[in-house]
Amino acid sequence: MVELAVSLTVVLILTAVAIPSIMRSFRTYQLNSAAARVADMLKFTRFEAVRRNKQINFLMQTSVDGWIVGTDSDNNGSVDATEKQQLISGFAALLPSGVARVRQPSPQPWAGPR
Protein backbone atom coordinates (compact mmCIF):
# COMPACT_ATOMS: atom_id res chain seq x y z
CA MET A 1 0.00 0.00 0.00
CA VAL A 2 2.86 2.37 0.81
CA GLU A 3 4.51 1.63 -2.56
CA LEU A 4 1.28 2.52 -4.38
CA ALA A 5 0.99 5.82 -2.53
CA VAL A 6 4.63 6.69 -3.26
CA SER A 7 4.32 5.81 -6.94
CA LEU A 8 1.10 7.85 -7.27
CA THR A 9 2.80 10.79 -5.60
CA VAL A 10 5.73 10.57 -8.04
CA VAL A 11 3.33 10.38 -11.01
CA LEU A 12 1.37 13.39 -9.77
CA ILE A 13 4.53 15.45 -9.27
CA LEU A 14 5.84 14.57 -12.74
CA THR A 15 2.45 15.40 -14.28
CA ALA A 16 2.32 18.74 -12.48
CA VAL A 17 5.77 19.60 -13.83
CA ALA A 18 5.00 18.45 -17.39
CA ILE A 19 1.57 20.09 -17.93
CA PRO A 20 2.79 23.74 -18.27
CA SER A 21 5.39 22.69 -20.81
CA ILE A 22 2.84 20.71 -22.81
CA MET A 23 0.37 23.61 -22.78
CA ARG A 24 3.09 26.04 -23.90
CA SER A 25 4.02 23.70 -26.76
CA PHE A 26 0.37 23.34 -27.78
CA ARG A 27 -0.15 27.13 -27.83
CA THR A 28 3.03 27.60 -29.85
CA TYR A 29 1.77 25.02 -32.34
CA GLN A 30 -1.60 26.82 -32.62
CA LEU A 31 0.09 30.18 -33.14
CA ASN A 32 2.42 28.80 -35.81
CA SER A 33 -0.53 27.12 -37.52
CA ALA A 34 -2.54 30.36 -37.58
CA ALA A 35 0.44 32.31 -38.95
CA ALA A 36 0.98 29.69 -41.66
CA ARG A 37 -2.69 29.83 -42.67
CA VAL A 38 -2.62 33.62 -42.99
CA ALA A 39 0.64 33.46 -44.97
CA ASP A 40 -0.77 30.77 -47.27
CA MET A 41 -3.91 32.80 -47.92
CA LEU A 42 -1.82 35.91 -48.66
CA LYS A 43 0.27 33.92 -51.15
CA PHE A 44 -2.86 32.48 -52.76
CA THR A 45 -4.36 35.97 -53.08
CA ARG A 46 -1.22 37.29 -54.69
CA PHE A 47 -0.93 34.39 -57.15
CA GLU A 48 -4.61 34.68 -58.02
CA ALA A 49 -4.21 38.41 -58.71
CA VAL A 50 -1.25 37.72 -60.98
CA ARG A 51 -3.08 34.90 -62.75
CA ARG A 52 -6.18 37.00 -63.40
CA ASN A 53 -4.21 40.22 -63.94
CA LYS A 54 -6.57 42.22 -61.74
CA GLN A 55 -6.85 43.44 -58.16
CA ILE A 56 -7.98 40.84 -55.63
CA ASN A 57 -8.35 41.87 -52.00
CA PHE A 58 -7.36 39.90 -48.91
CA LEU A 59 -9.90 40.13 -46.09
CA MET A 60 -9.93 39.19 -42.43
CA GLN A 61 -13.34 39.14 -40.77
CA THR A 62 -14.36 38.21 -37.26
CA SER A 63 -16.79 35.36 -36.81
CA VAL A 64 -18.39 33.59 -33.88
CA ASP A 65 -15.70 30.87 -33.91
CA GLY A 66 -12.64 33.04 -34.59
CA TRP A 67 -11.44 34.77 -37.74
CA ILE A 68 -12.25 34.14 -41.38
CA VAL A 69 -9.45 35.00 -43.80
CA GLY A 70 -10.03 34.85 -47.50
CA THR A 71 -9.95 36.48 -50.90
CA ASP A 72 -12.44 39.03 -52.15
CA SER A 73 -12.25 38.62 -55.92
CA ASP A 74 -15.45 40.55 -56.68
CA ASN A 75 -14.44 43.52 -54.46
CA ASN A 76 -17.73 43.62 -52.53
CA GLY A 77 -16.03 43.87 -49.12
CA SER A 78 -16.91 40.40 -47.83
CA VAL A 79 -15.71 36.85 -48.27
CA ASP A 80 -18.43 35.01 -50.19
CA ALA A 81 -19.09 31.27 -50.12
CA THR A 82 -17.67 30.89 -53.64
CA GLU A 83 -14.34 32.52 -52.73
CA LYS A 84 -11.46 30.74 -51.02
CA GLN A 85 -11.54 31.15 -47.26
CA GLN A 86 -10.17 29.61 -44.06
CA LEU A 87 -11.30 29.71 -40.45
CA ILE A 88 -8.69 30.54 -37.82
CA SER A 89 -9.81 29.64 -34.33
CA GLY A 90 -8.38 28.49 -31.04
CA PHE A 91 -5.82 30.16 -28.83
CA ALA A 92 -4.31 32.35 -31.55
CA ALA A 93 -6.32 35.55 -31.31
CA LEU A 94 -5.75 37.97 -34.16
CA LEU A 95 -6.16 41.63 -33.28
CA PRO A 96 -8.37 43.97 -35.29
CA SER A 97 -6.64 46.88 -36.98
CA GLY A 98 -5.65 49.73 -34.74
CA VAL A 99 -5.42 47.62 -31.58
CA ALA A 100 -1.77 46.56 -31.65
CA ARG A 101 0.54 49.10 -30.10
CA VAL A 102 3.65 50.00 -32.01
CA ARG A 103 6.55 51.32 -30.01
CA GLN A 104 7.83 54.56 -31.42
CA PRO A 105 11.54 54.56 -32.22
CA SER A 106 13.63 56.64 -29.91
CA PRO A 107 14.73 59.90 -31.52
CA GLN A 108 18.28 59.78 -32.76
CA PRO A 109 20.18 63.04 -32.68
CA TRP A 110 21.11 64.08 -36.16
CA ALA A 111 24.81 64.57 -36.43
CA GLY A 112 24.65 66.54 -39.66
CA PRO A 113 27.40 66.78 -42.26
CA ARG A 114 30.97 66.66 -41.05
C-alpha atoms as a PDB file:
ATOM      1  CA  MET A   1       0.000   0.000   0.000  1.00  0.00           C
ATOM      2  CA  VAL A   2       2.864   2.371   0.807  1.00  0.00           C
ATOM      3  CA  GLU A   3       4.506   1.627  -2.564  1.00  0.00           C
ATOM      4  CA  LEU A   4       1.281   2.516  -4.378  1.00  0.00           C
ATOM      5  CA  ALA A   5       0.989   5.821  -2.529  1.00  0.00           C
ATOM      6  CA  VAL A   6       4.633   6.694  -3.261  1.00  0.00           C
ATOM      7  CA  SER A   7       4.325   5.813  -6.939  1.00  0.00           C
ATOM      8  CA  LEU A   8       1.097   7.846  -7.272  1.00  0.00           C
ATOM      9  CA  THR A   9       2.802  10.787  -5.601  1.00  0.00           C
ATOM     10  CA  VAL A  10       5.728  10.572  -8.038  1.00  0.00           C
ATOM     11  CA  VAL A  11       3.330  10.383 -11.012  1.00  0.00           C
ATOM     12  CA  LEU A  12       1.368  13.385  -9.771  1.00  0.00           C
ATOM     13  CA  ILE A  13       4.531  15.451  -9.269  1.00  0.00           C
ATOM     14  CA  LEU A  14       5.836  14.573 -12.743  1.00  0.00           C
ATOM     15  CA  THR A  15       2.454  15.403 -14.281  1.00  0.00           C
ATOM     16  CA  ALA A  16       2.319  18.742 -12.485  1.00  0.00           C
ATOM     17  CA  VAL A  17       5.771  19.598 -13.829  1.00  0.00           C
ATOM     18  CA  ALA A  18       5.003  18.452 -17.394  1.00  0.00           C
ATOM     19  CA  ILE A  19       1.574  20.090 -17.934  1.00  0.00           C
ATOM     20  CA  PRO A  20       2.785  23.738 -18.268  1.00  0.00           C
ATOM     21  CA  SER A  21       5.387  22.686 -20.811  1.00  0.00           C
ATOM     22  CA  ILE A  22       2.838  20.709 -22.807  1.00  0.00           C
ATOM     23  CA  MET A  23       0.372  23.610 -22.777  1.00  0.00           C
ATOM     24  CA  ARG A  24       3.087  26.041 -23.902  1.00  0.00           C
ATOM     25  CA  SER A  25       4.018  23.703 -26.762  1.00  0.00           C
ATOM     26  CA  PHE A  26       0.372  23.343 -27.779  1.00  0.00           C
ATOM     27  CA  ARG A  27      -0.153  27.129 -27.829  1.00  0.00           C
ATOM     28  CA  THR A  28       3.031  27.596 -29.854  1.00  0.00           C
ATOM     29  CA  TYR A  29       1.767  25.022 -32.342  1.00  0.00           C
ATOM     30  CA  GLN A  30      -1.596  26.820 -32.616  1.00  0.00           C
ATOM     31  CA  LEU A  31       0.092  30.183 -33.140  1.00  0.00           C
ATOM     32  CA  ASN A  32       2.421  28.798 -35.813  1.00  0.00           C
ATOM     33  CA  SER A  33      -0.527  27.120 -37.524  1.00  0.00           C
ATOM     34  CA  ALA A  34      -2.538  30.361 -37.577  1.00  0.00           C
ATOM     35  CA  ALA A  35       0.439  32.308 -38.950  1.00  0.00           C
ATOM     36  CA  ALA A  36       0.982  29.689 -41.662  1.00  0.00           C
ATOM     37  CA  ARG A  37      -2.693  29.833 -42.675  1.00  0.00           C
ATOM     38  CA  VAL A  38      -2.621  33.617 -42.985  1.00  0.00           C
ATOM     39  CA  ALA A  39       0.638  33.462 -44.966  1.00  0.00           C
ATOM     40  CA  ASP A  40      -0.767  30.772 -47.270  1.00  0.00           C
ATOM     41  CA  MET A  41      -3.905  32.802 -47.916  1.00  0.00           C
ATOM     42  CA  LEU A  42      -1.825  35.906 -48.656  1.00  0.00           C
ATOM     43  CA  LYS A  43       0.270  33.923 -51.147  1.00  0.00           C
ATOM     44  CA  PHE A  44      -2.862  32.480 -52.763  1.00  0.00           C
ATOM     45  CA  THR A  45      -4.363  35.969 -53.083  1.00  0.00           C
ATOM     46  CA  ARG A  46      -1.216  37.294 -54.691  1.00  0.00           C
ATOM     47  CA  PHE A  47      -0.932  34.389 -57.149  1.00  0.00           C
ATOM     48  CA  GLU A  48      -4.611  34.681 -58.022  1.00  0.00           C
ATOM     49  CA  ALA A  49      -4.212  38.412 -58.706  1.00  0.00           C
ATOM     50  CA  VAL A  50      -1.248  37.724 -60.978  1.00  0.00           C
ATOM     51  CA  ARG A  51      -3.081  34.904 -62.749  1.00  0.00           C
ATOM     52  CA  ARG A  52      -6.185  37.003 -63.398  1.00  0.00           C
ATOM     53  CA  ASN A  53      -4.209  40.224 -63.935  1.00  0.00           C
ATOM     54  CA  LYS A  54      -6.568  42.223 -61.742  1.00  0.00           C
ATOM     55  CA  GLN A  55      -6.850  43.439 -58.158  1.00  0.00           C
ATOM     56  CA  ILE A  56      -7.976  40.843 -55.631  1.00  0.00           C
ATOM     57  CA  ASN A  57      -8.348  41.869 -52.005  1.00  0.00           C
ATOM     58  CA  PHE A  58      -7.360  39.904 -48.912  1.00  0.00           C
ATOM     59  CA  LEU A  59      -9.903  40.134 -46.091  1.00  0.00           C
ATOM     60  CA  MET A  60      -9.927  39.192 -42.426  1.00  0.00           C
ATOM     61  CA  GLN A  61     -13.337  39.136 -40.770  1.00  0.00           C
ATOM     62  CA  THR A  62     -14.358  38.205 -37.259  1.00  0.00           C
ATOM     63  CA  SER A  63     -16.790  35.358 -36.810  1.00  0.00           C
ATOM     64  CA  VAL A  64     -18.387  33.589 -33.878  1.00  0.00           C
ATOM     65  CA  ASP A  65     -15.702  30.875 -33.912  1.00  0.00           C
ATOM     66  CA  GLY A  66     -12.639  33.039 -34.591  1.00  0.00           C
ATOM     67  CA  TRP A  67     -11.435  34.775 -37.739  1.00  0.00           C
ATOM     68  CA  ILE A  68     -12.245  34.136 -41.384  1.00  0.00           C
ATOM     69  CA  VAL A  69      -9.454  34.995 -43.796  1.00  0.00           C
ATOM     70  CA  GLY A  70     -10.033  34.851 -47.500  1.00  0.00           C
ATOM     71  CA  THR A  71      -9.955  36.475 -50.902  1.00  0.00           C
ATOM     72  CA  ASP A  72     -12.439  39.027 -52.152  1.00  0.00           C
ATOM     73  CA  SER A  73     -12.246  38.618 -55.920  1.00  0.00           C
ATOM     74  CA  ASP A  74     -15.446  40.549 -56.679  1.00  0.00           C
ATOM     75  CA  ASN A  75     -14.442  43.525 -54.455  1.00  0.00           C
ATOM     76  CA  ASN A  76     -17.734  43.619 -52.528  1.00  0.00           C
ATOM     77  CA  GLY A  77     -16.028  43.872 -49.120  1.00  0.00           C
ATOM     78  CA  SER A  78     -16.912  40.405 -47.833  1.00  0.00           C
ATOM     79  CA  VAL A  79     -15.705  36.850 -48.275  1.00  0.00           C
ATOM     80  CA  ASP A  80     -18.429  35.012 -50.186  1.00  0.00           C
ATOM     81  CA  ALA A  81     -19.089  31.273 -50.116  1.00  0.00           C
ATOM     82  CA  THR A  82     -17.666  30.894 -53.641  1.00  0.00           C
ATOM     83  CA  GLU A  83     -14.345  32.516 -52.727  1.00  0.00           C
ATOM     84  CA  LYS A  84     -11.461  30.736 -51.022  1.00  0.00           C
ATOM     85  CA  GLN A  85     -11.545  31.150 -47.258  1.00  0.00           C
ATOM     86  CA  GLN A  86     -10.171  29.614 -44.059  1.00  0.00           C
ATOM     87  CA  LEU A  87     -11.304  29.712 -40.447  1.00  0.00           C
ATOM     88  CA  ILE A  88      -8.686  30.535 -37.825  1.00  0.00           C
ATOM     89  CA  SER A  89      -9.808  29.640 -34.330  1.00  0.00           C
ATOM     90  CA  GLY A  90      -8.378  28.486 -31.045  1.00  0.00           C
ATOM     91  CA  PHE A  91      -5.821  30.160 -28.825  1.00  0.00           C
ATOM     92  CA  ALA A  92      -4.311  32.353 -31.548  1.00  0.00           C
ATOM     93  CA  ALA A  93      -6.322  35.549 -31.313  1.00  0.00           C
ATOM     94  CA  LEU A  94      -5.751  37.974 -34.156  1.00  0.00           C
ATOM     95  CA  LEU A  95      -6.155  41.628 -33.283  1.00  0.00           C
ATOM     96  CA  PRO A  96      -8.373  43.966 -35.286  1.00  0.00           C
ATOM     97  CA  SER A  97      -6.639  46.879 -36.977  1.00  0.00           C
ATOM     98  CA  GLY A  98      -5.647  49.728 -34.736  1.00  0.00           C
ATOM     99  CA  VAL A  99      -5.415  47.619 -31.575  1.00  0.00           C
ATOM    100  CA  ALA A 100      -1.772  46.558 -31.650  1.00  0.00           C
ATOM    101  CA  ARG A 101       0.541  49.098 -30.103  1.00  0.00           C
ATOM    102  CA  VAL A 102       3.647  50.003 -32.012  1.00  0.00           C
ATOM    103  CA  ARG A 103       6.547  51.317 -30.008  1.00  0.00           C
ATOM    104  CA  GLN A 104       7.833  54.564 -31.417  1.00  0.00           C
ATOM    105  CA  PRO A 105      11.542  54.559 -32.222  1.00  0.00           C
ATOM    106  CA  SER A 106      13.632  56.643 -29.912  1.00  0.00           C
ATOM    107  CA  PRO A 107      14.729  59.901 -31.518  1.00  0.00           C
ATOM    108  CA  GLN A 108      18.277  59.776 -32.758  1.00  0.00           C
ATOM    109  CA  PRO A 109      20.179  63.041 -32.678  1.00  0.00           C
ATOM    110  CA  TRP A 110      21.111  64.081 -36.159  1.00  0.00           C
ATOM    111  CA  ALA A 111      24.809  64.575 -36.434  1.00  0.00           C
ATOM    112  CA  GLY A 112      24.651  66.536 -39.665  1.00  0.00           C
ATOM    113  CA  PRO A 113      27.401  66.780 -42.261  1.00  0.00           C
ATOM    114  CA  ARG A 114      30.970  66.659 -41.054  1.00  0.00           C
END
